[in-house]
């Protein structure tokens, strides 16, 4: 079962749930960031999440069995906190993380997970979204 959570995180670290469920927002073409290809050759977008200020992308390479996550800002600008995290959806699995103040994108981060569920978390500034137990096949 895939679980999705979208949160807005305040400057004091207080999370407010904005939506719960398997909802994927589809941004308008004028607002959506495009996948920038930074995961490399052979990676295809299999999921995305709209965030305030950008889009999180999950990609997969069927030749290598690796998933890749990247969070891309709509419009490059002054650095804001951007994260892209991914792991195999097994309790205690290590997160592969990239999070810092970026002007364009965070990631790529990779996990080898053929036939396994994955967890991925992305954020831009105060808007955080996660998908847990996703893409299990």
C-alpha atoms as a PDB file:
ATOM      1  CA  UNK A   1       0.000   0.000   0.000  1.00  0.00           C
ATOM      2  CA  UNK A   2       1.372   3.374  -0.998  1.00  0.00           C
ATOM      3  CA  UNK A   3       1.071   6.210   1.525  1.00  0.00           C
ATOM      4  CA  UNK A   4       1.573   9.842   0.641  1.00  0.00           C
ATOM      5  CA  UNK A   5       1.859  12.781   2.983  1.00  0.00           C
ATOM      6  CA  UNK A   6       2.240  16.406   2.044  1.00  0.00           C
ATOM      7  CA  UNK A   7       3.191  18.832   4.759  1.00  0.00           C
ATOM      8  CA  UNK A   8       4.013  22.455   5.158  1.00  0.00           C
ATOM      9  CA  UNK A   9       6.800  22.897   7.664  1.00  0.00           C
ATOM     10  CA  UNK A  10       6.980  26.191   9.516  1.00  0.00           C
ATOM     11  CA  UNK A  11      10.210  27.962  10.326  1.00  0.00           C
ATOM     12  CA  UNK A  12      10.022  26.594  13.882  1.00  0.00           C
ATOM     13  CA  UNK A  13       9.861  23.019  12.572  1.00  0.00           C
ATOM     14  CA  UNK A  14       6.146  22.528  13.257  1.00  0.00           C
ATOM     15  CA  UNK A  15       4.510  20.367  10.613  1.00  0.00           C
ATOM     16  CA  UNK A  16       0.937  20.917   9.461  1.00  0.00           C
ATOM     17  CA  UNK A  17      -0.558  18.166   7.319  1.00  0.00           C
ATOM     18  CA  UNK A  18      -1.905  19.662   4.113  1.00  0.00           C
ATOM     19  CA  UNK A  19      -3.184  16.453   2.496  1.00  0.00           C
ATOM     20  CA  UNK A  20      -3.085  12.751   3.252  1.00  0.00           C
ATOM     21  CA  UNK A  21      -3.641   9.897   0.815  1.00  0.00           C
ATOM     22  CA  UNK A  22      -2.441   8.839  -2.585  1.00  0.00           C
ATOM     23  CA  UNK A  23      -3.039  12.190  -4.195  1.00  0.00           C
ATOM     24  CA  UNK A  24      -0.647  13.509  -6.789  1.00  0.00           C
ATOM     25  CA  UNK A  25      -1.209  17.104  -7.773  1.00  0.00           C
ATOM     26  CA  UNK A  26      -0.743  17.921 -11.428  1.00  0.00           C
ATOM     27  CA  UNK A  27       0.751  21.389 -11.861  1.00  0.00           C
ATOM     28  CA  UNK A  28      -0.083  23.575 -14.806  1.00  0.00           C
ATOM     29  CA  UNK A  29       2.487  23.622 -17.579  1.00  0.00           C
ATOM     30  CA  UNK A  30       3.427  27.217 -16.793  1.00  0.00           C
ATOM     31  CA  UNK A  31       4.247  26.406 -13.157  1.00  0.00           C
ATOM     32  CA  UNK A  32       5.810  22.947 -13.291  1.00  0.00           C
ATOM     33  CA  UNK A  33       9.528  22.383 -13.180  1.00  0.00           C
ATOM     34  CA  UNK A  34      10.810  19.983 -15.807  1.00  0.00           C
ATOM     35  CA  UNK A  35      12.862  16.919 -15.022  1.00  0.00           C
ATOM     36  CA  UNK A  36      16.434  18.017 -15.679  1.00  0.00           C
ATOM     37  CA  UNK A  37      18.022  14.648 -16.539  1.00  0.00           C
ATOM     38  CA  UNK A  38      20.591  14.762 -13.718  1.00  0.00           C
ATOM     39  CA  UNK A  39      20.014  11.121 -12.744  1.00  0.00           C
ATOM     40  CA  UNK A  40      21.762  10.102 -15.951  1.00  0.00           C
ATOM     41  CA  UNK A  41      21.199   8.065 -19.051  1.00  0.00           C
ATOM     42  CA  UNK A  42      18.472   5.411 -18.962  1.00  0.00           C
ATOM     43  CA  UNK A  43      16.428   6.950 -16.128  1.00  0.00           C
ATOM     44  CA  UNK A  44      12.743   7.532 -16.829  1.00  0.00           C
ATOM     45  CA  UNK A  45      10.360   9.563 -14.660  1.00  0.00           C
ATOM     46  CA  UNK A  46       7.920   7.220 -12.902  1.00  0.00           C
ATOM     47  CA  UNK A  47       6.380   9.672 -10.424  1.00  0.00           C
ATOM     48  CA  UNK A  48       6.369  13.322  -9.427  1.00  0.00           C
ATOM     49  CA  UNK A  49       5.050  15.559  -6.675  1.00  0.00           C
ATOM     50  CA  UNK A  50       4.261  19.251  -7.064  1.00  0.00           C
ATOM     51  CA  UNK A  51       5.780  21.408  -4.354  1.00  0.00           C
ATOM     52  CA  UNK A  52       5.474  25.129  -3.757  1.00  0.00           C
ATOM     53  CA  UNK A  53       8.330  26.404  -5.887  1.00  0.00           C
ATOM     54  CA  UNK A  54       9.104  23.245  -7.843  1.00  0.00           C
ATOM     55  CA  UNK A  55       8.614  19.551  -8.467  1.00  0.00           C
ATOM     56  CA  UNK A  56      10.057  16.363  -6.991  1.00  0.00           C
ATOM     57  CA  UNK A  57      10.808  13.600  -9.493  1.00  0.00           C
ATOM     58  CA  UNK A  58      11.277   9.879  -8.965  1.00  0.00           C
ATOM     59  CA  UNK A  59      13.017   8.064 -11.798  1.00  0.00           C
ATOM     60  CA  UNK A  60      13.932   4.438 -12.477  1.00  0.00           C
ATOM     61  CA  UNK A  61      16.546   2.735 -14.628  1.00  0.00           C
ATOM     62  CA  UNK A  62      15.389  -0.783 -15.524  1.00  0.00           C
ATOM     63  CA  UNK A  63      18.899  -1.750 -16.697  1.00  0.00           C
ATOM     64  CA  UNK A  64      20.512  -1.019 -13.323  1.00  0.00           C
ATOM     65  CA  UNK A  65      17.549  -1.576 -10.961  1.00  0.00           C
ATOM     66  CA  UNK A  66      18.162   1.830  -9.383  1.00  0.00           C
ATOM     67  CA  UNK A  67      15.677   4.523  -8.453  1.00  0.00           C
ATOM     68  CA  UNK A  68      16.774   8.152  -8.371  1.00  0.00           C
ATOM     69  CA  UNK A  69      15.181  11.160  -6.701  1.00  0.00           C
ATOM     70  CA  UNK A  70      15.718  14.813  -7.552  1.00  0.00           C
ATOM     71  CA  UNK A  71      13.867  17.962  -6.451  1.00  0.00           C
ATOM     72  CA  UNK A  72      13.888  20.796  -9.016  1.00  0.00           C
ATOM     73  CA  UNK A  73      12.923  24.415  -8.431  1.00  0.00           C
ATOM     74  CA  UNK A  74      10.551  26.063 -10.920  1.00  0.00           C
ATOM     75  CA  UNK A  75      12.649  29.187 -11.235  1.00  0.00           C
ATOM     76  CA  UNK A  76      16.305  29.249 -10.174  1.00  0.00           C
ATOM     77  CA  UNK A  77      17.042  32.034  -7.751  1.00  0.00           C
ATOM     78  CA  UNK A  78      18.563  32.794  -4.403  1.00  0.00           C
ATOM     79  CA  UNK A  79      19.354  29.668  -2.391  1.00  0.00           C
ATOM     80  CA  UNK A  80      16.515  28.066  -0.396  1.00  0.00           C
ATOM     81  CA  UNK A  81      16.528  24.778   1.502  1.00  0.00           C
ATOM     82  CA  UNK A  82      15.874  21.925  -0.948  1.00  0.00           C
ATOM     83  CA  UNK A  83      15.986  18.192  -0.181  1.00  0.00           C
ATOM     84  CA  UNK A  84      15.800  14.905  -2.075  1.00  0.00           C
ATOM     85  CA  UNK A  85      15.898  11.718   0.041  1.00  0.00           C
ATOM     86  CA  UNK A  86      15.281   8.082  -0.912  1.00  0.00           C
ATOM     87  CA  UNK A  87      15.556   4.618   0.652  1.00  0.00           C
ATOM     88  CA  UNK A  88      14.326   1.044   0.390  1.00  0.00           C
ATOM     89  CA  UNK A  89      11.045   0.952   2.353  1.00  0.00           C
ATOM     90  CA  UNK A  90      12.322  -1.388   5.056  1.00  0.00           C
ATOM     91  CA  UNK A  91      12.524  -0.308   8.710  1.00  0.00           C
ATOM     92  CA  UNK A  92      16.097   0.697   9.464  1.00  0.00           C
ATOM     93  CA  UNK A  93      17.186   1.084   5.831  1.00  0.00           C
ATOM     94  CA  UNK A  94      19.578   4.011   5.432  1.00  0.00           C
ATOM     95  CA  UNK A  95      18.407   7.148   3.680  1.00  0.00           C
ATOM     96  CA  UNK A  96      20.372   8.431   0.717  1.00  0.00           C
ATOM     97  CA  UNK A  97      20.130  12.185   1.242  1.00  0.00           C
ATOM     98  CA  UNK A  98      20.871  15.504  -0.337  1.00  0.00           C
ATOM     99  CA  UNK A  99      19.683  18.622   1.438  1.00  0.00           C
ATOM    100  CA  UNK A 100      21.160  22.085   1.540  1.00  0.00           C
ATOM    101  CA  UNK A 101      20.545  25.623   0.335  1.00  0.00           C
ATOM    102  CA  UNK A 102      20.378  25.387  -3.455  1.00  0.00           C
ATOM    103  CA  UNK A 103      19.413  27.746  -6.233  1.00  0.00           C
ATOM    104  CA  UNK A 104      18.295  25.077  -8.738  1.00  0.00           C
ATOM    105  CA  UNK A 105      17.893  21.469  -7.447  1.00  0.00           C
ATOM    106  CA  UNK A 106      18.755  18.841  -4.824  1.00  0.00           C
ATOM    107  CA  UNK A 107      19.894  15.354  -5.801  1.00  0.00           C
ATOM    108  CA  UNK A 108      20.377  13.141  -7.526  1.00  0.00           C
ATOM    109  CA  UNK A 109      20.210  10.447  -4.848  1.00  0.00           C
ATOM    110  CA  UNK A 110      20.038   6.751  -5.718  1.00  0.00           C
ATOM    111  CA  UNK A 111      18.863   3.464  -4.216  1.00  0.00           C
ATOM    112  CA  UNK A 112      19.093  -0.049  -5.647  1.00  0.00           C
ATOM    113  CA  UNK A 113      15.602  -1.484  -5.200  1.00  0.00           C
ATOM    114  CA  UNK A 114      14.387  -3.763  -8.024  1.00  0.00           C
ATOM    115  CA  UNK A 115      11.061  -5.290  -6.998  1.00  0.00           C
ATOM    116  CA  UNK A 116      11.101  -3.505  -3.631  1.00  0.00           C
ATOM    117  CA  UNK A 117       9.025  -0.671  -2.214  1.00  0.00           C
ATOM    118  CA  UNK A 118      10.745   2.654  -1.727  1.00  0.00           C
ATOM    119  CA  UNK A 119      10.262   5.713   0.467  1.00  0.00           C
ATOM    120  CA  UNK A 120      11.092   9.156  -0.902  1.00  0.00           C
ATOM    121  CA  UNK A 121      10.933  12.593   0.644  1.00  0.00           C
ATOM    122  CA  UNK A 122      11.341  15.979  -1.014  1.00  0.00           C
ATOM    123  CA  UNK A 123      11.069  19.574   0.103  1.00  0.00           C
ATOM    124  CA  UNK A 124      11.524  23.104  -1.133  1.00  0.00           C
ATOM    125  CA  UNK A 125      11.772  25.714   1.587  1.00  0.00           C
ATOM    126  CA  UNK A 126       8.806  25.033   3.893  1.00  0.00           C
ATOM    127  CA  UNK A 127       6.855  22.634   1.621  1.00  0.00           C
ATOM    128  CA  UNK A 128       7.585  18.958   2.328  1.00  0.00           C
ATOM    129  CA  UNK A 129       6.109  15.847   0.700  1.00  0.00           C
ATOM    130  CA  UNK A 130       6.822  12.164   1.211  1.00  0.00           C
ATOM    131  CA  UNK A 131       5.657   8.971  -0.409  1.00  0.00           C
ATOM    132  CA  UNK A 132       6.117   5.847   1.638  1.00  0.00           C
ATOM    133  CA  UNK A 133       5.893   2.216   0.493  1.00  0.00           C
ATOM    134  CA  UNK A 134       5.653   3.338  -3.126  1.00  0.00           C
ATOM    135  CA  UNK A 135       6.488   1.676  -6.434  1.00  0.00           C
ATOM    136  CA  UNK A 136       6.599  -1.846  -5.043  1.00  0.00           C
ATOM    137  CA  UNK A 137       6.969  -3.691  -8.330  1.00  0.00           C
END
